[in-house]
C-alpha atoms as a PDB file:
ATOM      1  CA  MET A   1      -0.013   0.012  -0.044  1.00  0.00           C
ATOM      2  CA  ALA A   2       1.516   3.344  -1.016  1.00  0.00           C
ATOM      3  CA  THR A   3       1.496   6.204   1.395  1.00  0.00           C
ATOM      4  CA  ASN A   4       1.898   9.831   0.834  1.00  0.00           C
ATOM      5  CA  THR A   5       4.870  11.038   2.920  1.00  0.00           C
ATOM      6  CA  GLU A   6       4.811  14.589   1.449  1.00  0.00           C
ATOM      7  CA  PRO A   7       4.118  17.170   4.079  1.00  0.00           C
ATOM      8  CA  VAL A   8       0.727  18.945   3.746  1.00  0.00           C
ATOM      9  CA  VAL A   9       1.403  22.560   2.981  1.00  0.00           C
ATOM     10  CA  GLU A  10      -1.450  24.810   3.928  1.00  0.00           C
ATOM     11  CA  GLN A  11      -2.239  27.580   1.491  1.00  0.00           C
ATOM     12  CA  ASP A  12      -2.261  31.096   2.950  1.00  0.00           C
ATOM     13  CA  ARG A  13      -5.062  32.648   1.133  1.00  0.00           C
ATOM     14  CA  ARG A  14      -3.908  36.243   1.904  1.00  0.00           C
ATOM     15  CA  GLN A  15      -1.227  35.640  -0.710  1.00  0.00           C
ATOM     16  CA  GLN A  16      -3.413  34.142  -3.293  1.00  0.00           C
ATOM     17  CA  PRO A  17      -6.575  36.144  -3.847  1.00  0.00           C
ATOM     18  CA  VAL A  18      -7.350  36.898  -7.489  1.00  0.00           C
ATOM     19  CA  VAL A  19      -8.117  40.602  -8.138  1.00  0.00           C
ATOM     20  CA  VAL A  20     -10.139  41.187 -11.143  1.00  0.00           C
ATOM     21  CA  GLU A  21     -10.545  44.795 -12.447  1.00  0.00           C
ATOM     22  CA  ARG A  22     -13.887  45.802 -14.017  1.00  0.00           C
ATOM     23  CA  PRO A  23     -15.223  49.144 -15.413  1.00  0.00           C
ATOM     24  CA  TRP A  24     -17.160  49.625 -12.154  1.00  0.00           C
ATOM     25  CA  GLY A  25     -14.299  48.756  -9.809  1.00  0.00           C
ATOM     26  CA  ARG A  26     -12.849  45.350  -8.793  1.00  0.00           C
ATOM     27  CA  PHE A  27     -13.452  42.164  -6.940  1.00  0.00           C
ATOM     28  CA  GLU A  28     -11.202  39.915  -4.919  1.00  0.00           C
ATOM     29  CA  GLN A  29     -11.769  36.136  -5.162  1.00  0.00           C
ATOM     30  CA  PHE A  30     -10.508  34.135  -2.117  1.00  0.00           C
ATOM     31  CA  CYS A  31     -11.468  30.658  -3.171  1.00  0.00           C
ATOM     32  CA  LEU A  32     -12.923  28.882  -6.178  1.00  0.00           C
ATOM     33  CA  ASN A  33     -14.771  25.581  -6.151  1.00  0.00           C
ATOM     34  CA  GLU A  34     -13.459  24.205  -2.719  1.00  0.00           C
ATOM     35  CA  PRO A  35     -15.153  23.396   0.432  1.00  0.00           C
ATOM     36  CA  THR A  36     -15.742  26.729   2.269  1.00  0.00           C
ATOM     37  CA  THR A  37     -18.083  27.957   4.874  1.00  0.00           C
ATOM     38  CA  VAL A  38     -18.938  31.617   4.925  1.00  0.00           C
ATOM     39  CA  LYS A  39     -20.249  33.583   7.884  1.00  0.00           C
ATOM     40  CA  VAL A  40     -20.593  37.189   9.063  1.00  0.00           C
ATOM     41  CA  ILE A  41     -19.718  37.356  12.793  1.00  0.00           C
ATOM     42  CA  THR A  42     -21.220  40.270  14.660  1.00  0.00           C
ATOM     43  CA  ILE A  43     -19.568  41.063  18.103  1.00  0.00           C
ATOM     44  CA  ALA A  44     -21.260  43.257  20.626  1.00  0.00           C
ATOM     45  CA  PRO A  45     -19.417  46.258  22.215  1.00  0.00           C
ATOM     46  CA  GLY A  46     -16.812  45.195  24.708  1.00  0.00           C
ATOM     47  CA  GLN A  47     -17.253  41.504  24.078  1.00  0.00           C
ATOM     48  CA  ARG A  48     -14.931  38.866  22.580  1.00  0.00           C
ATOM     49  CA  LEU A  49     -14.972  35.308  21.343  1.00  0.00           C
ATOM     50  CA  SER A  50     -13.263  32.527  23.138  1.00  0.00           C
ATOM     51  CA  LEU A  51      -9.577  31.980  22.591  1.00  0.00           C
ATOM     52  CA  GLN A  52      -9.968  28.859  20.483  1.00  0.00           C
ATOM     53  CA  ARG A  53      -8.362  26.631  17.802  1.00  0.00           C
ATOM     54  CA  HIS A  54      -9.567  24.078  15.256  1.00  0.00           C
ATOM     55  CA  GLU A  55      -8.158  20.762  14.080  1.00  0.00           C
ATOM     56  CA  GLN A  56     -10.243  20.574  10.900  1.00  0.00           C
ATOM     57  CA  ARG A  57     -10.303  24.089   9.387  1.00  0.00           C
ATOM     58  CA  ALA A  58      -8.329  27.188   8.828  1.00  0.00           C
ATOM     59  CA  GLU A  59      -9.964  30.559   8.619  1.00  0.00           C
ATOM     60  CA  LEU A  60      -9.723  33.883   6.811  1.00  0.00           C
ATOM     61  CA  TRP A  61     -11.129  36.960   8.329  1.00  0.00           C
ATOM     62  CA  GLN A  62     -11.976  40.311   6.755  1.00  0.00           C
ATOM     63  CA  ALA A  63     -12.923  43.147   9.093  1.00  0.00           C
ATOM     64  CA  LEU A  64     -16.039  44.870   7.839  1.00  0.00           C
ATOM     65  CA  ASP A  65     -15.976  47.591  10.531  1.00  0.00           C
ATOM     66  CA  GLU A  66     -13.465  49.563  12.486  1.00  0.00           C
ATOM     67  CA  GLY A  67     -12.809  48.369  16.145  1.00  0.00           C
ATOM     68  CA  VAL A  68     -11.920  44.662  15.625  1.00  0.00           C
ATOM     69  CA  GLN A  69      -9.056  43.335  17.562  1.00  0.00           C
ATOM     70  CA  ALA A  70      -7.618  40.109  16.114  1.00  0.00           C
ATOM     71  CA  THR A  71      -5.453  37.664  18.050  1.00  0.00           C
ATOM     72  CA  VAL A  72      -3.706  34.915  16.053  1.00  0.00           C
ATOM     73  CA  ASP A  73      -1.085  32.569  17.372  1.00  0.00           C
ATOM     74  CA  GLY A  74      -0.167  34.970  20.210  1.00  0.00           C
ATOM     75  CA  TYR A  75      -0.016  38.187  18.178  1.00  0.00           C
ATOM     76  CA  SER A  76      -2.799  40.791  18.666  1.00  0.00           C
ATOM     77  CA  TRP A  77      -3.528  43.843  16.624  1.00  0.00           C
ATOM     78  CA  THR A  78      -6.298  46.254  15.740  1.00  0.00           C
ATOM     79  CA  MET A  79      -7.595  45.445  12.162  1.00  0.00           C
ATOM     80  CA  ARG A  80      -8.416  48.146   9.682  1.00  0.00           C
ATOM     81  CA  LYS A  81     -11.638  48.079   7.930  1.00  0.00           C
ATOM     82  CA  GLY A  82     -11.202  45.745   4.909  1.00  0.00           C
ATOM     83  CA  GLU A  83      -8.026  44.135   6.321  1.00  0.00           C
ATOM     84  CA  VAL A  84      -7.603  40.454   5.911  1.00  0.00           C
ATOM     85  CA  ALA A  85      -6.198  38.048   8.464  1.00  0.00           C
ATOM     86  CA  TRP A  86      -5.274  34.371   7.992  1.00  0.00           C
ATOM     87  CA  VAL A  87      -5.758  31.916  10.892  1.00  0.00           C
ATOM     88  CA  PRO A  88      -3.708  28.747  10.181  1.00  0.00           C
ATOM     89  CA  LEU A  89      -5.033  25.292  11.054  1.00  0.00           C
ATOM     90  CA  GLY A  90      -4.419  24.703  14.738  1.00  0.00           C
ATOM     91  CA  ALA A  91      -3.563  28.306  15.647  1.00  0.00           C
ATOM     92  CA  PRO A  92      -5.073  29.757  18.716  1.00  0.00           C
ATOM     93  CA  HIS A  93      -7.237  32.777  17.736  1.00  0.00           C
ATOM     94  CA  ARG A  94      -9.958  35.206  18.903  1.00  0.00           C
ATOM     95  CA  LEU A  95     -11.801  38.304  17.955  1.00  0.00           C
ATOM     96  CA  THR A  96     -12.554  41.190  20.253  1.00  0.00           C
ATOM     97  CA  ASN A  97     -14.778  44.291  19.857  1.00  0.00           C
ATOM     98  CA  LEU A  98     -12.850  47.358  21.095  1.00  0.00           C
ATOM     99  CA  GLY A  99     -15.620  49.813  20.166  1.00  0.00           C
ATOM    100  CA  THR A 100     -18.883  51.120  21.437  1.00  0.00           C
ATOM    101  CA  SER A 101     -21.160  49.657  18.724  1.00  0.00           C
ATOM    102  CA  ASP A 102     -21.397  46.204  17.088  1.00  0.00           C
ATOM    103  CA  VAL A 103     -18.589  45.193  14.643  1.00  0.00           C
ATOM    104  CA  ARG A 104     -18.659  42.619  11.965  1.00  0.00           C
ATOM    105  CA  VAL A 105     -16.046  40.250  10.511  1.00  0.00           C
ATOM    106  CA  LEU A 106     -16.507  38.126   7.355  1.00  0.00           C
ATOM    107  CA  GLU A 107     -15.146  34.586   8.046  1.00  0.00           C
ATOM    108  CA  LEU A 108     -14.255  32.091   5.373  1.00  0.00           C
ATOM    109  CA  ALA A 109     -13.505  28.691   6.890  1.00  0.00           C
ATOM    110  CA  PHE A 110     -11.475  26.304   4.732  1.00  0.00           C
ATOM    111  CA  GLY A 111     -11.765  22.579   5.482  1.00  0.00           C
ATOM    112  CA  ASP A 112     -14.396  20.424   7.307  1.00  0.00           C
ATOM    113  CA  PHE A 113     -16.601  22.903   9.129  1.00  0.00           C
ATOM    114  CA  ASP A 114     -18.235  21.638  12.305  1.00  0.00           C
ATOM    115  CA  GLU A 115     -19.224  23.886  15.285  1.00  0.00           C
ATOM    116  CA  GLU A 116     -17.930  21.037  17.439  1.00  0.00           C
ATOM    117  CA  ASP A 117     -14.420  21.599  16.122  1.00  0.00           C
ATOM    118  CA  ILE A 118     -13.719  24.241  18.656  1.00  0.00           C
ATOM    119  CA  GLU A 119     -11.115  23.730  21.365  1.00  0.00           C
ATOM    120  CA  ARG A 120     -11.733  26.667  23.784  1.00  0.00           C
ATOM    121  CA  LEU A 121      -8.489  27.706  25.545  1.00  0.00           C
ATOM    122  CA  GLN A 122     -10.095  30.641  27.355  1.00  0.00           C
ATOM    123  CA  ASP A 123     -13.682  31.582  27.487  1.00  0.00           C
ATOM    124  CA  ASP A 124     -15.319  34.612  29.192  1.00  0.00           C
ATOM    125  CA  TYR A 125     -18.788  32.674  29.279  1.00  0.00           C
ATOM    126  CA  LEU A 126     -17.388  29.527  31.002  1.00  0.00           C
ATOM    127  CA  ARG A 127     -18.106  27.282  28.101  1.00  0.00           C
ATOM    128  CA  ALA A 128     -16.126  23.980  27.668  1.00  0.00           C
END
């Protein structure tokens, strides 16, 4: 029986989006014909998601509003509106709302999506 001994190299989609110019402007394409789950996450003022990681998916975030703090693999920063952040498979990550009104983040999850694939490392709401 043959086995694949090649290491799996995860694609960092921040480096790969296709930008297509049109007369009316442009669009960025982050994926094409691959398993992807798309969500818009809304975070209330002063709240944050659990510090978590996933075994089955990587994520790409795009800040839709100002006031989003991203933490990925121990590094935290305030995202600019429109900024994209890559969350590699297995990397600890969290989103925080630093503002006084709701903020939204577009999330594209690459891989097998299952809400049970959340390992919470820290959680303000005492969830397991």
